């Protein structure tokens, strides 16, 4: 799979407890990205954060949260990201979705013989 040198980064900020049709939302987004043959996706779990409601979510021992921040990052061509956006829009009821142009330096998978 090739990504042009000028790609786009889609970043989705959600909560760990957010769901889509019974499964974790972050998982549903990654599986949809894979189904649509996007180059790849990474899910990052944050130890602390807050969003539009200013409610603090933390992994602190004193205040255990079951809704830690999750960030999904996907990089691909503008066309493929644009085709994926309606799905993200439908799936994300609460959260933040950002887009930025990025320069892809290297994208290579493991070669098999």
C-alpha atoms as a PDB file:
ATOM      1  CA  UNK A   1       0.000   0.000   0.000  1.00  0.00           C
ATOM      2  CA  UNK A   2       1.282   3.448  -0.879  1.00  0.00           C
ATOM      3  CA  UNK A   3       0.650   6.751   0.869  1.00  0.00           C
ATOM      4  CA  UNK A   4       1.522   9.918  -1.019  1.00  0.00           C
ATOM      5  CA  UNK A   5       4.231  12.096   0.509  1.00  0.00           C
ATOM      6  CA  UNK A   6       1.546  14.668   1.388  1.00  0.00           C
ATOM      7  CA  UNK A   7      -0.912  12.785   3.555  1.00  0.00           C
ATOM      8  CA  UNK A   8      -3.595  13.642   6.087  1.00  0.00           C
ATOM      9  CA  UNK A   9      -3.722  12.812   9.771  1.00  0.00           C
ATOM     10  CA  UNK A  10      -7.155  12.110  11.235  1.00  0.00           C
ATOM     11  CA  UNK A  11      -7.189  12.267  15.021  1.00  0.00           C
ATOM     12  CA  UNK A  12     -10.250  11.190  17.014  1.00  0.00           C
ATOM     13  CA  UNK A  13     -10.470  11.992  20.744  1.00  0.00           C
ATOM     14  CA  UNK A  14     -13.057   9.915  22.609  1.00  0.00           C
ATOM     15  CA  UNK A  15     -13.598   8.201  25.953  1.00  0.00           C
ATOM     16  CA  UNK A  16     -12.681   4.620  26.720  1.00  0.00           C
ATOM     17  CA  UNK A  17     -16.279   3.805  27.698  1.00  0.00           C
ATOM     18  CA  UNK A  18     -17.817   5.159  24.453  1.00  0.00           C
ATOM     19  CA  UNK A  19     -19.635   2.426  22.527  1.00  0.00           C
ATOM     20  CA  UNK A  20     -20.833   1.770  18.969  1.00  0.00           C
ATOM     21  CA  UNK A  21     -23.348  -1.055  18.470  1.00  0.00           C
ATOM     22  CA  UNK A  22     -22.208  -2.824  21.631  1.00  0.00           C
ATOM     23  CA  UNK A  23     -18.454  -2.680  21.084  1.00  0.00           C
ATOM     24  CA  UNK A  24     -15.888  -0.134  22.210  1.00  0.00           C
ATOM     25  CA  UNK A  25     -16.011   2.871  19.875  1.00  0.00           C
ATOM     26  CA  UNK A  26     -12.228   2.969  19.410  1.00  0.00           C
ATOM     27  CA  UNK A  27     -12.353  -0.656  18.255  1.00  0.00           C
ATOM     28  CA  UNK A  28     -15.258   0.006  15.873  1.00  0.00           C
ATOM     29  CA  UNK A  29     -13.414   2.951  14.291  1.00  0.00           C
ATOM     30  CA  UNK A  30     -10.207   0.945  13.779  1.00  0.00           C
ATOM     31  CA  UNK A  31     -12.094  -2.019  12.320  1.00  0.00           C
ATOM     32  CA  UNK A  32     -13.996   0.284   9.922  1.00  0.00           C
ATOM     33  CA  UNK A  33     -10.700   1.901   8.868  1.00  0.00           C
ATOM     34  CA  UNK A  34      -9.258  -1.543   8.184  1.00  0.00           C
ATOM     35  CA  UNK A  35     -12.380  -2.572   6.260  1.00  0.00           C
ATOM     36  CA  UNK A  36     -11.968   0.531   4.085  1.00  0.00           C
ATOM     37  CA  UNK A  37      -8.275  -0.301   3.508  1.00  0.00           C
ATOM     38  CA  UNK A  38      -6.842   2.781   5.172  1.00  0.00           C
ATOM     39  CA  UNK A  39      -3.074   2.560   5.620  1.00  0.00           C
ATOM     40  CA  UNK A  40      -3.163   1.978   9.375  1.00  0.00           C
ATOM     41  CA  UNK A  41      -4.567   3.135  12.691  1.00  0.00           C
ATOM     42  CA  UNK A  42      -3.161   3.496  16.190  1.00  0.00           C
ATOM     43  CA  UNK A  43      -5.121   3.795  19.428  1.00  0.00           C
ATOM     44  CA  UNK A  44      -3.491   5.616  22.332  1.00  0.00           C
ATOM     45  CA  UNK A  45      -4.851   5.446  25.867  1.00  0.00           C
ATOM     46  CA  UNK A  46      -4.266   8.554  27.960  1.00  0.00           C
ATOM     47  CA  UNK A  47      -3.649   8.483  31.703  1.00  0.00           C
ATOM     48  CA  UNK A  48      -5.403  11.833  32.141  1.00  0.00           C
ATOM     49  CA  UNK A  49      -7.518  14.340  30.252  1.00  0.00           C
ATOM     50  CA  UNK A  50     -10.729  16.302  29.979  1.00  0.00           C
ATOM     51  CA  UNK A  51     -12.991  17.409  27.162  1.00  0.00           C
ATOM     52  CA  UNK A  52     -15.873  19.727  26.366  1.00  0.00           C
ATOM     53  CA  UNK A  53     -17.627  19.059  29.700  1.00  0.00           C
ATOM     54  CA  UNK A  54     -14.425  19.803  31.695  1.00  0.00           C
ATOM     55  CA  UNK A  55     -14.868  16.535  33.604  1.00  0.00           C
ATOM     56  CA  UNK A  56     -11.456  15.203  34.610  1.00  0.00           C
ATOM     57  CA  UNK A  57     -10.673  11.611  33.651  1.00  0.00           C
ATOM     58  CA  UNK A  58      -7.643  10.137  35.361  1.00  0.00           C
ATOM     59  CA  UNK A  59      -5.940   6.822  36.075  1.00  0.00           C
ATOM     60  CA  UNK A  60      -4.943   8.037  39.551  1.00  0.00           C
ATOM     61  CA  UNK A  61      -5.132   5.418  42.284  1.00  0.00           C
ATOM     62  CA  UNK A  62      -7.142   7.840  44.419  1.00  0.00           C
ATOM     63  CA  UNK A  63      -9.687   8.468  41.690  1.00  0.00           C
ATOM     64  CA  UNK A  64     -10.009   5.534  39.346  1.00  0.00           C
ATOM     65  CA  UNK A  65     -11.724   6.368  36.086  1.00  0.00           C
ATOM     66  CA  UNK A  66     -13.364   3.859  33.817  1.00  0.00           C
ATOM     67  CA  UNK A  67     -13.510   6.415  31.029  1.00  0.00           C
ATOM     68  CA  UNK A  68      -9.903   7.302  30.245  1.00  0.00           C
ATOM     69  CA  UNK A  69      -9.129   9.407  27.173  1.00  0.00           C
ATOM     70  CA  UNK A  70      -8.542   7.515  23.928  1.00  0.00           C
ATOM     71  CA  UNK A  71      -6.952   8.963  20.800  1.00  0.00           C
ATOM     72  CA  UNK A  72      -7.145   7.219  17.436  1.00  0.00           C
ATOM     73  CA  UNK A  73      -4.673   8.340  14.782  1.00  0.00           C
ATOM     74  CA  UNK A  74      -5.014   7.425  11.120  1.00  0.00           C
ATOM     75  CA  UNK A  75      -2.789   8.675   8.288  1.00  0.00           C
ATOM     76  CA  UNK A  76      -3.625   8.205   4.619  1.00  0.00           C
ATOM     77  CA  UNK A  77      -4.305  10.160   1.434  1.00  0.00           C
ATOM     78  CA  UNK A  78      -6.776  13.048   1.504  1.00  0.00           C
ATOM     79  CA  UNK A  79      -9.180  11.089  -0.697  1.00  0.00           C
ATOM     80  CA  UNK A  80      -9.238   8.034   1.573  1.00  0.00           C
ATOM     81  CA  UNK A  81      -9.569  10.112   4.749  1.00  0.00           C
ATOM     82  CA  UNK A  82     -12.378  12.153   3.148  1.00  0.00           C
ATOM     83  CA  UNK A  83     -14.229   8.923   2.257  1.00  0.00           C
ATOM     84  CA  UNK A  84     -13.841   7.721   5.868  1.00  0.00           C
ATOM     85  CA  UNK A  85     -15.071  10.935   7.544  1.00  0.00           C
ATOM     86  CA  UNK A  86     -18.837  10.274   7.128  1.00  0.00           C
ATOM     87  CA  UNK A  87     -18.397   7.023   9.065  1.00  0.00           C
ATOM     88  CA  UNK A  88     -16.523   8.801  11.858  1.00  0.00           C
ATOM     89  CA  UNK A  89     -19.182  11.506  11.931  1.00  0.00           C
ATOM     90  CA  UNK A  90     -21.918   8.896  12.359  1.00  0.00           C
ATOM     91  CA  UNK A  91     -19.998   6.953  15.035  1.00  0.00           C
ATOM     92  CA  UNK A  92     -18.706   9.757  17.274  1.00  0.00           C
ATOM     93  CA  UNK A  93     -21.547  11.234  19.323  1.00  0.00           C
ATOM     94  CA  UNK A  94     -19.228  12.982  21.819  1.00  0.00           C
ATOM     95  CA  UNK A  95     -15.594  13.830  21.265  1.00  0.00           C
ATOM     96  CA  UNK A  96     -13.243  15.805  19.074  1.00  0.00           C
ATOM     97  CA  UNK A  97     -12.160  15.008  15.523  1.00  0.00           C
ATOM     98  CA  UNK A  98      -9.257  16.880  13.933  1.00  0.00           C
ATOM     99  CA  UNK A  99      -7.542  16.817  10.554  1.00  0.00           C
ATOM    100  CA  UNK A 100      -4.152  18.087   9.572  1.00  0.00           C
ATOM    101  CA  UNK A 101      -1.929  17.808   6.571  1.00  0.00           C
ATOM    102  CA  UNK A 102       1.232  15.820   7.229  1.00  0.00           C
ATOM    103  CA  UNK A 103       4.376  14.986   5.328  1.00  0.00           C
ATOM    104  CA  UNK A 104       4.887  11.230   5.168  1.00  0.00           C
ATOM    105  CA  UNK A 105       8.570  10.438   5.474  1.00  0.00           C
ATOM    106  CA  UNK A 106       8.373   6.649   5.415  1.00  0.00           C
ATOM    107  CA  UNK A 107       5.659   4.005   5.308  1.00  0.00           C
ATOM    108  CA  UNK A 108       6.820   0.434   4.895  1.00  0.00           C
ATOM    109  CA  UNK A 109       5.561  -2.892   6.090  1.00  0.00           C
ATOM    110  CA  UNK A 110       7.610  -5.967   6.806  1.00  0.00           C
ATOM    111  CA  UNK A 111       8.741  -7.633   3.621  1.00  0.00           C
ATOM    112  CA  UNK A 112       8.162 -11.340   3.214  1.00  0.00           C
ATOM    113  CA  UNK A 113      10.191 -13.660   1.048  1.00  0.00           C
END
